[in-house]
Structure formats: C-alpha cells, structure tokens
Amino acid sequence: MTDNPNAIVPVVNSSIIQSMADAERAAMAMAKSGFFQDAKDASQAIVKILAGQELGFGPFASMTGVNIIQNKPVLAANLMAAAVKRTGKYNYRVKELTDEACELVFFEAGKEVGNSKFTMADAKAALLDQKDNWRKYPRNMLFARALSNGQKWYAPDVFNGATVYTPDELGADVDDEGNAIQGSFKVTEIKPVPPPAGDRPYSPDALKERLKVMSDSVTGKCTDGQRQAVLINLKTMTGGEPQYHEVLKWLTGYEYINEVPDNLALALHKWIHPTKQPDGTFLPDEHSIQEAIDVYDFALLKEPDNASPDGDH
C-alpha cells in the first residue's frame, strides 16, 4: 500500500474469451438470452464482444457497456473511467464537480499532465443543454465529457490508439449511470460473415446458429445441382429417410430441400462441402458427417414425435 493518493494500482483483466470460438459461443448465448435489446442476433453480439475485448473488457461488460453508434465504439463513462485507472500508467482526480462544471486532473506515472474541464457554458455552446439527459443529470453529463476529452488528450493509448466516445458525444440519450438508452440511437447494421473453421465438429445448436450466420452473408441463387448435392449428401450422412427429413427440418424449418430459401440452401451446401472423388462421386466433409449424425440424435432426443413423411421434392 502507499500513502500517495495518485498512486496507480493496475488491475489484471482475466477474460473467458481466449479464441474466436469462445467469442462465438458467448455471443450466441447472450443473443439467445434476450437480455440485450441492441444485440438480438449473434452477429451483433459478437461485434460488441470483440470490440470490448480489444478495449480490455470481458463479454458481459462489453454487452452492457459497449455500443456501436455510427460505426464507432461507444463506452459508458464508468467503463472509460475504469479503463483509465486500471492501466497502471494513468489516473485522474476530480477537482470540481457541480451542476455547472466538472474539472478533472490527469496523471501519468503519478505526475500531473493536464486538466480537462467541461462546463454548462460549453454545453450551451454545443446546444446540449436542452436535451433531457443534460437537464436531468448535469453532473453526470459534465463528468462524462470532461473524462472523454481528458482520456483523448492525456491518455490516448488507453484503448490501443482507438478513438472511443461516450454515448452522448454521438447523440444517444443516457441514464443516470451514463449508459446509452436503447432506442435513442440507431443500432449499426452488422453484415454477418461466415464463421471461421475450427473447433469442429460443431454442436447441433452451434451448427444451427452458424448456418443462420452463413445464410445471412451469402446472396444469389442456389442451383438445382447444388440442391441435389445437398439432398444426396444429407441422405448419405444421415442414413436415408426419414432421417434426412428430420435433420433438414431441424436445421432449417423445412422438410424438403426445394422449399429451403436460396441463401440457406447455399449455406447448407457450403457446410456439407462436397468434394469430387477420383471415381467421380462427391463426398461430404468428414466433420459435416459427424455433425449431421449428432443433429439427428439431438432431434430424436428433443423431438421424438417429429417424424416426417417419406418422399422428396
């Protein structure tokens, strides 16, 4: 311990996210939970988690405190303050905090490097003073602006060079704790990308989610040949009918390959990844075979009465 009030005590951030697969699993779980209104699908959740990971936060803190507004990372003031203090290099001290002004003194390696002050006069000049959050929480808003400016001026490497904003700076309304209020800003549309290979075979739930992500990232028409390849390989992988129908319906919601929308059919084809053999036949990827078997077993255990009629379209 030290008697120095400006002494910096570094905090070690231990994250459960050690790989892309970890991030994807966390994203799928959090999106499915329904607790996070601005990340209702895995693609949005994973962007928040990865953004937070780069800024030094765990998945839950990222989901609750990190937003993407106008394609820029946005942090609640409390997370930004924690990030400054945990560096082991920077710190700040509140010199003044009233309904009219906030002034923070910033330190680097224990030495004062500058002040950051934001006043209601500054807010009025920027036409901020008439916003509800500025009228309701003036001290909080003044602190957030003084902190954000000071971090950019005196501690620019806290976020590894990334420019990070508070929600109010990009037009979002905030609550009394400085968190962005959902619905007060437009959630950045995230175009999903196909998940990377690795950590296979996938679990049935992970496979279903990955197919959804892949289907959202592809466009174009699935040819009759590709649909036929899915049909033949899926039958081979599952042992024929009615297994084929049950697996297809569990993965896509459709019993027949001709009913499956083009983008989802293309995702199925990419997942199966049939490769031509020397004898002219096509065999599916070995991981896909195991995954299809696991899906069939899972479908039988979860939905034993979900039998499908024979026959193909």
Protein backbone atom coordinates (compact mmCIF):
# COMPACT_ATOMS: atom_id res chain seq x y z
CA MET A 1 0.00 0.00 0.00
CA THR A 2 1.04 3.63 -0.49
CA ASP A 3 0.06 6.94 1.01
CA ASN A 4 0.20 8.62 -2.40
CA PRO A 5 -3.45 9.45 -3.37
CA ASN A 6 -2.43 9.47 -7.03
CA ALA A 7 -0.78 6.08 -6.92
CA ILE A 8 -1.95 3.74 -9.66
CA VAL A 9 -2.93 0.20 -8.83
CA PRO A 10 -3.08 -1.90 -12.00
CA VAL A 11 -5.94 -4.35 -12.37
CA VAL A 12 -5.44 -7.57 -14.30
CA ASN A 13 -8.31 -8.29 -16.66
CA SER A 14 -8.98 -12.03 -16.87
CA SER A 15 -11.31 -12.79 -19.75
CA ILE A 16 -13.01 -16.05 -20.62
CA ILE A 17 -12.53 -15.12 -24.30
CA GLN A 18 -9.35 -16.83 -25.44
CA SER A 19 -10.27 -17.62 -29.04
CA MET A 20 -12.71 -16.75 -31.80
CA ALA A 21 -14.66 -19.88 -30.89
CA ASP A 22 -15.00 -18.63 -27.30
CA ALA A 23 -16.32 -15.30 -28.58
CA GLU A 24 -18.83 -17.01 -30.86
CA ARG A 25 -20.13 -19.23 -28.09
CA ALA A 26 -20.51 -16.27 -25.74
CA ALA A 27 -22.22 -14.24 -28.47
CA MET A 28 -24.72 -16.98 -29.26
CA ALA A 29 -25.58 -17.49 -25.59
CA MET A 30 -26.02 -13.79 -24.90
CA ALA A 31 -28.04 -13.10 -28.04
CA LYS A 32 -30.35 -16.01 -27.25
CA SER A 33 -30.83 -14.85 -23.66
CA GLY A 34 -32.96 -11.91 -24.79
CA PHE A 35 -31.44 -9.65 -22.13
CA PHE A 36 -29.65 -7.38 -24.60
CA GLN A 37 -32.06 -5.41 -26.79
CA ASP A 38 -29.37 -3.97 -29.08
CA ALA A 39 -27.90 -7.39 -29.91
CA LYS A 40 -30.71 -9.74 -30.78
CA ASP A 41 -28.62 -11.95 -33.04
CA ALA A 42 -25.17 -13.49 -32.68
CA SER A 43 -23.55 -11.31 -35.35
CA GLN A 44 -24.35 -8.11 -33.45
CA ALA A 45 -23.38 -9.65 -30.12
CA ILE A 46 -20.02 -10.87 -31.38
CA VAL A 47 -19.13 -7.39 -32.68
CA LYS A 48 -19.84 -5.92 -29.22
CA ILE A 49 -17.85 -8.67 -27.51
CA LEU A 50 -14.87 -8.39 -29.87
CA ALA A 51 -14.91 -4.58 -29.64
CA GLY A 52 -14.96 -4.83 -25.87
CA GLN A 53 -12.21 -7.46 -25.92
CA GLU A 54 -9.93 -5.10 -27.85
CA LEU A 55 -10.71 -2.34 -25.36
CA GLY A 56 -9.94 -4.64 -22.44
CA PHE A 57 -13.39 -5.71 -21.20
CA GLY A 58 -14.99 -9.09 -20.65
CA PRO A 59 -18.06 -10.27 -22.59
CA PHE A 60 -20.73 -9.21 -20.08
CA ALA A 61 -19.24 -5.73 -19.56
CA SER A 62 -18.98 -5.42 -23.35
CA MET A 63 -22.62 -6.40 -23.88
CA THR A 64 -23.88 -3.94 -21.26
CA GLY A 65 -21.43 -1.06 -21.64
CA VAL A 66 -20.17 -1.10 -25.24
CA ASN A 67 -22.29 0.21 -28.10
CA ILE A 68 -21.55 0.71 -31.78
CA ILE A 69 -23.00 4.03 -32.94
CA GLN A 70 -22.22 5.48 -36.38
CA ASN A 71 -19.69 2.63 -36.74
CA LYS A 72 -17.71 3.95 -33.75
CA PRO A 73 -17.10 2.29 -30.36
CA VAL A 74 -19.02 3.96 -27.55
CA LEU A 75 -18.45 3.36 -23.83
CA ALA A 76 -20.39 4.31 -20.75
CA ALA A 77 -18.42 6.83 -18.68
CA ASN A 78 -17.91 4.35 -15.82
CA LEU A 79 -16.19 1.86 -18.15
CA MET A 80 -14.00 4.59 -19.60
CA ALA A 81 -13.06 5.73 -16.08
CA ALA A 82 -12.23 2.14 -15.07
CA ALA A 83 -10.11 1.70 -18.20
CA VAL A 84 -8.04 4.78 -17.39
CA LYS A 85 -7.44 3.74 -13.79
CA ARG A 86 -6.58 0.12 -14.46
CA THR A 87 -3.75 0.88 -16.89
CA GLY A 88 -1.07 1.14 -14.24
CA LYS A 89 0.11 4.21 -16.13
CA TYR A 90 -2.69 6.80 -15.99
CA ASN A 91 -5.03 8.13 -13.33
CA TYR A 92 -7.33 11.08 -12.76
CA ARG A 93 -8.68 13.05 -9.80
CA VAL A 94 -11.90 15.04 -9.58
CA LYS A 95 -11.05 18.67 -8.85
CA GLU A 96 -14.54 20.12 -9.33
CA LEU A 97 -17.93 18.52 -9.88
CA THR A 98 -21.11 20.63 -9.70
CA ASP A 99 -24.21 21.19 -11.80
CA GLU A 100 -22.27 23.91 -13.62
CA ALA A 101 -18.83 22.40 -14.25
CA CYS A 102 -16.60 19.35 -13.97
CA GLU A 103 -12.81 19.55 -13.89
CA LEU A 104 -10.54 16.50 -13.80
CA VAL A 105 -6.80 16.42 -13.21
CA PHE A 106 -4.96 13.71 -15.18
CA PHE A 107 -1.77 11.96 -14.10
CA GLU A 108 0.78 9.86 -15.94
CA ALA A 109 3.11 7.71 -13.87
CA GLY A 110 1.98 9.69 -10.84
CA LYS A 111 2.83 13.08 -12.34
CA GLU A 112 0.20 15.66 -13.26
CA VAL A 113 0.00 16.09 -17.03
CA GLY A 114 -3.04 18.32 -17.52
CA ASN A 115 -6.63 19.26 -16.71
CA SER A 116 -9.86 18.57 -18.56
CA LYS A 117 -12.81 20.85 -17.80
CA PHE A 118 -16.30 20.92 -19.26
CA THR A 119 -18.92 23.47 -18.22
CA MET A 120 -22.59 24.15 -18.81
CA ALA A 121 -21.45 27.13 -20.88
CA ASP A 122 -19.66 24.61 -23.15
CA ALA A 123 -22.83 22.51 -23.24
CA LYS A 124 -24.94 25.53 -24.21
CA ALA A 125 -22.48 26.48 -26.95
CA ALA A 126 -22.85 22.94 -28.34
CA LEU A 127 -26.69 23.11 -27.99
CA LEU A 128 -26.65 20.26 -25.50
CA ASP A 129 -28.26 21.93 -22.51
CA GLN A 130 -31.84 21.39 -23.73
CA LYS A 131 -31.51 17.62 -24.01
CA ASP A 132 -33.33 15.65 -21.33
CA ASN A 133 -30.23 13.88 -20.06
CA TRP A 134 -28.41 17.20 -19.62
CA ARG A 135 -31.34 18.67 -17.70
CA LYS A 136 -31.82 15.58 -15.53
CA TYR A 137 -28.20 14.57 -14.89
CA PRO A 138 -25.99 17.65 -15.42
CA ARG A 139 -23.18 16.44 -13.12
CA ASN A 140 -23.05 13.04 -14.79
CA MET A 141 -23.01 14.53 -18.27
CA LEU A 142 -20.35 17.10 -17.40
CA PHE A 143 -18.19 14.37 -15.86
CA ALA A 144 -18.57 12.14 -18.93
CA ARG A 145 -17.50 14.94 -21.31
CA ALA A 146 -14.56 16.00 -19.12
CA LEU A 147 -13.45 12.39 -18.82
CA SER A 148 -13.78 11.61 -22.52
CA ASN A 149 -11.82 14.73 -23.52
CA GLY A 150 -9.14 14.09 -20.91
CA GLN A 151 -8.69 10.49 -21.98
CA LYS A 152 -8.19 11.56 -25.59
CA TRP A 153 -5.81 14.40 -24.64
CA TYR A 154 -3.71 12.87 -21.87
CA ALA A 155 -4.15 9.09 -22.08
CA PRO A 156 -4.53 8.33 -25.79
CA ASP A 157 -3.10 4.80 -25.61
CA VAL A 158 -5.59 3.51 -23.04
CA PHE A 159 -7.59 1.88 -25.86
CA ASN A 160 -4.58 0.95 -28.01
CA GLY A 161 -4.98 4.02 -30.19
CA ALA A 162 -8.71 3.57 -30.87
CA THR A 163 -10.82 6.71 -30.51
CA VAL A 164 -13.63 5.91 -28.10
CA TYR A 165 -16.64 8.10 -27.35
CA THR A 166 -19.25 8.37 -24.63
CA PRO A 167 -22.86 7.77 -25.81
CA ASP A 168 -23.83 11.44 -25.52
CA GLU A 169 -21.00 12.50 -27.84
CA LEU A 170 -22.67 10.60 -30.67
CA GLY A 171 -26.19 11.74 -29.92
CA ALA A 172 -27.52 8.92 -27.73
CA ASP A 173 -29.54 9.62 -24.59
CA VAL A 174 -28.15 8.16 -21.38
CA ASP A 175 -29.47 7.11 -17.99
CA ASP A 176 -28.26 8.39 -14.64
CA GLU A 177 -25.28 5.98 -14.77
CA GLY A 178 -24.16 7.16 -18.19
CA ASN A 179 -25.29 4.08 -20.12
CA ALA A 180 -26.85 4.55 -23.54
CA ILE A 181 -30.65 4.26 -23.50
CA GLN A 182 -31.76 1.71 -26.06
CA GLY A 183 -33.97 3.21 -28.73
CA SER A 184 -32.31 6.63 -28.52
CA PHE A 185 -29.88 5.73 -31.28
CA LYS A 186 -29.89 3.59 -34.38
CA VAL A 187 -28.11 0.29 -33.92
CA THR A 188 -25.39 -0.11 -36.52
CA GLU A 189 -26.38 -2.77 -39.01
CA ILE A 190 -23.84 -5.58 -38.94
CA LYS A 191 -23.43 -7.72 -42.03
CA PRO A 192 -22.70 -11.20 -40.74
CA VAL A 193 -19.64 -13.05 -42.01
CA PRO A 194 -19.24 -16.79 -42.28
CA PRO A 195 -17.77 -18.19 -39.05
CA PRO A 196 -14.17 -19.39 -39.30
CA ALA A 197 -13.24 -23.03 -39.40
CA GLY A 198 -12.05 -24.68 -36.22
CA ASP A 199 -13.35 -26.38 -33.10
CA ARG A 200 -15.25 -28.92 -35.11
CA PRO A 201 -17.38 -30.94 -35.03
CA TYR A 202 -19.90 -28.26 -34.02
CA SER A 203 -22.64 -29.00 -31.51
CA PRO A 204 -26.17 -29.14 -33.00
CA ASP A 205 -27.13 -25.75 -31.56
CA ALA A 206 -23.85 -24.16 -32.69
CA LEU A 207 -24.30 -25.63 -36.17
CA LYS A 208 -27.82 -24.23 -36.49
CA GLU A 209 -26.59 -20.78 -35.45
CA ARG A 210 -23.61 -20.95 -37.82
CA LEU A 211 -25.87 -21.86 -40.73
CA LYS A 212 -28.00 -18.81 -39.94
CA VAL A 213 -24.92 -16.57 -39.87
CA MET A 214 -23.66 -18.04 -43.14
CA SER A 215 -27.05 -17.69 -44.80
CA ASP A 216 -27.15 -14.00 -43.87
CA SER A 217 -23.80 -13.44 -45.57
CA VAL A 218 -24.48 -15.05 -48.97
CA THR A 219 -26.58 -13.89 -51.89
CA GLY A 220 -27.54 -15.42 -55.20
CA LYS A 221 -29.49 -18.40 -56.45
CA CYS A 222 -28.82 -21.92 -55.25
CA THR A 223 -28.68 -24.03 -58.40
CA ASP A 224 -30.60 -27.25 -58.90
CA GLY A 225 -27.26 -29.08 -58.90
CA GLN A 226 -26.30 -27.62 -55.54
CA ARG A 227 -29.68 -28.51 -54.05
CA GLN A 228 -29.35 -32.06 -55.42
CA ALA A 229 -25.88 -32.30 -53.89
CA VAL A 230 -27.29 -31.25 -50.51
CA LEU A 231 -30.11 -33.81 -50.85
CA ILE A 232 -27.86 -36.72 -51.80
CA ASN A 233 -25.13 -35.96 -49.28
CA LEU A 234 -27.53 -35.27 -46.42
CA LYS A 235 -29.26 -38.60 -47.10
CA THR A 236 -25.89 -40.35 -47.16
CA MET A 237 -24.80 -38.64 -43.95
CA THR A 238 -27.98 -39.43 -42.03
CA GLY A 239 -28.74 -42.90 -43.39
CA GLY A 240 -31.61 -42.02 -45.72
CA GLU A 241 -35.26 -41.35 -44.97
CA PRO A 242 -36.91 -40.33 -42.70
CA GLN A 243 -33.68 -39.20 -41.03
CA TYR A 244 -32.89 -36.81 -43.87
CA HIS A 245 -36.23 -35.02 -43.50
CA GLU A 246 -35.90 -34.73 -39.73
CA VAL A 247 -32.38 -33.31 -39.88
CA LEU A 248 -33.25 -30.86 -42.66
CA LYS A 249 -36.35 -29.67 -40.81
CA TRP A 250 -34.48 -29.30 -37.52
CA LEU A 251 -31.70 -27.27 -39.16
CA THR A 252 -33.83 -25.10 -41.48
CA GLY A 253 -37.51 -25.42 -40.58
CA TYR A 254 -38.24 -27.03 -43.98
CA GLU A 255 -38.79 -30.72 -44.75
CA TYR A 256 -37.80 -30.61 -48.42
CA ILE A 257 -34.69 -29.12 -49.99
CA ASN A 258 -36.70 -27.39 -52.74
CA GLU A 259 -38.56 -25.41 -50.07
CA VAL A 260 -35.40 -24.05 -48.44
CA PRO A 261 -34.65 -20.40 -49.38
CA ASP A 262 -31.67 -19.89 -51.68
CA ASN A 263 -29.35 -18.29 -49.13
CA LEU A 264 -29.98 -21.02 -46.54
CA ALA A 265 -29.61 -23.76 -49.18
CA LEU A 266 -26.27 -22.23 -50.19
CA ALA A 267 -25.22 -22.23 -46.54
CA LEU A 268 -26.11 -25.93 -46.32
CA HIS A 269 -24.07 -26.65 -49.44
CA LYS A 270 -21.10 -24.77 -48.02
CA TRP A 271 -21.41 -26.61 -44.71
CA ILE A 272 -21.54 -30.05 -46.37
CA HIS A 273 -18.67 -29.01 -48.69
CA PRO A 274 -18.94 -31.96 -51.07
CA THR A 275 -15.64 -32.69 -52.85
CA LYS A 276 -15.25 -34.72 -56.03
CA GLN A 277 -13.51 -38.06 -55.66
CA PRO A 278 -11.33 -39.84 -58.28
CA ASP A 279 -14.25 -42.12 -59.17
CA GLY A 280 -16.44 -39.10 -59.94
CA THR A 281 -18.57 -39.28 -56.81
CA PHE A 282 -18.86 -36.45 -54.28
CA LEU A 283 -18.25 -36.95 -50.58
CA PRO A 284 -19.16 -34.53 -47.80
CA ASP A 285 -16.66 -33.04 -45.39
CA GLU A 286 -15.82 -35.50 -42.59
CA HIS A 287 -16.84 -33.03 -39.88
CA SER A 288 -20.19 -32.49 -41.57
CA ILE A 289 -20.90 -36.23 -41.43
CA GLN A 290 -20.42 -36.34 -37.67
CA GLU A 291 -22.38 -33.12 -37.21
CA ALA A 292 -25.32 -34.46 -39.22
CA ILE A 293 -25.35 -37.63 -37.12
CA ASP A 294 -25.25 -35.55 -33.93
CA VAL A 295 -28.11 -33.39 -35.19
CA TYR A 296 -30.21 -36.45 -35.94
CA ASP A 297 -29.55 -37.89 -32.48
CA PHE A 298 -30.31 -34.50 -30.95
CA ALA A 299 -33.53 -34.12 -32.94
CA LEU A 300 -34.68 -37.57 -31.91
CA LEU A 301 -33.97 -36.91 -28.24
CA LYS A 302 -35.53 -33.45 -28.21
CA GLU A 303 -38.40 -34.05 -30.61
CA PRO A 304 -39.14 -37.79 -30.73
CA ASP A 305 -42.53 -37.25 -32.35
CA ASN A 306 -41.17 -35.05 -35.12
CA ALA A 307 -41.42 -37.70 -37.81
CA SER A 308 -41.55 -36.54 -41.44
CA PRO A 309 -43.25 -38.22 -44.41
CA ASP A 310 -41.21 -40.13 -46.93
CA GLY A 311 -40.52 -38.81 -50.37
CA ASP A 312 -38.52 -35.99 -51.90
CA HIS A 313 -39.39 -32.91 -53.89
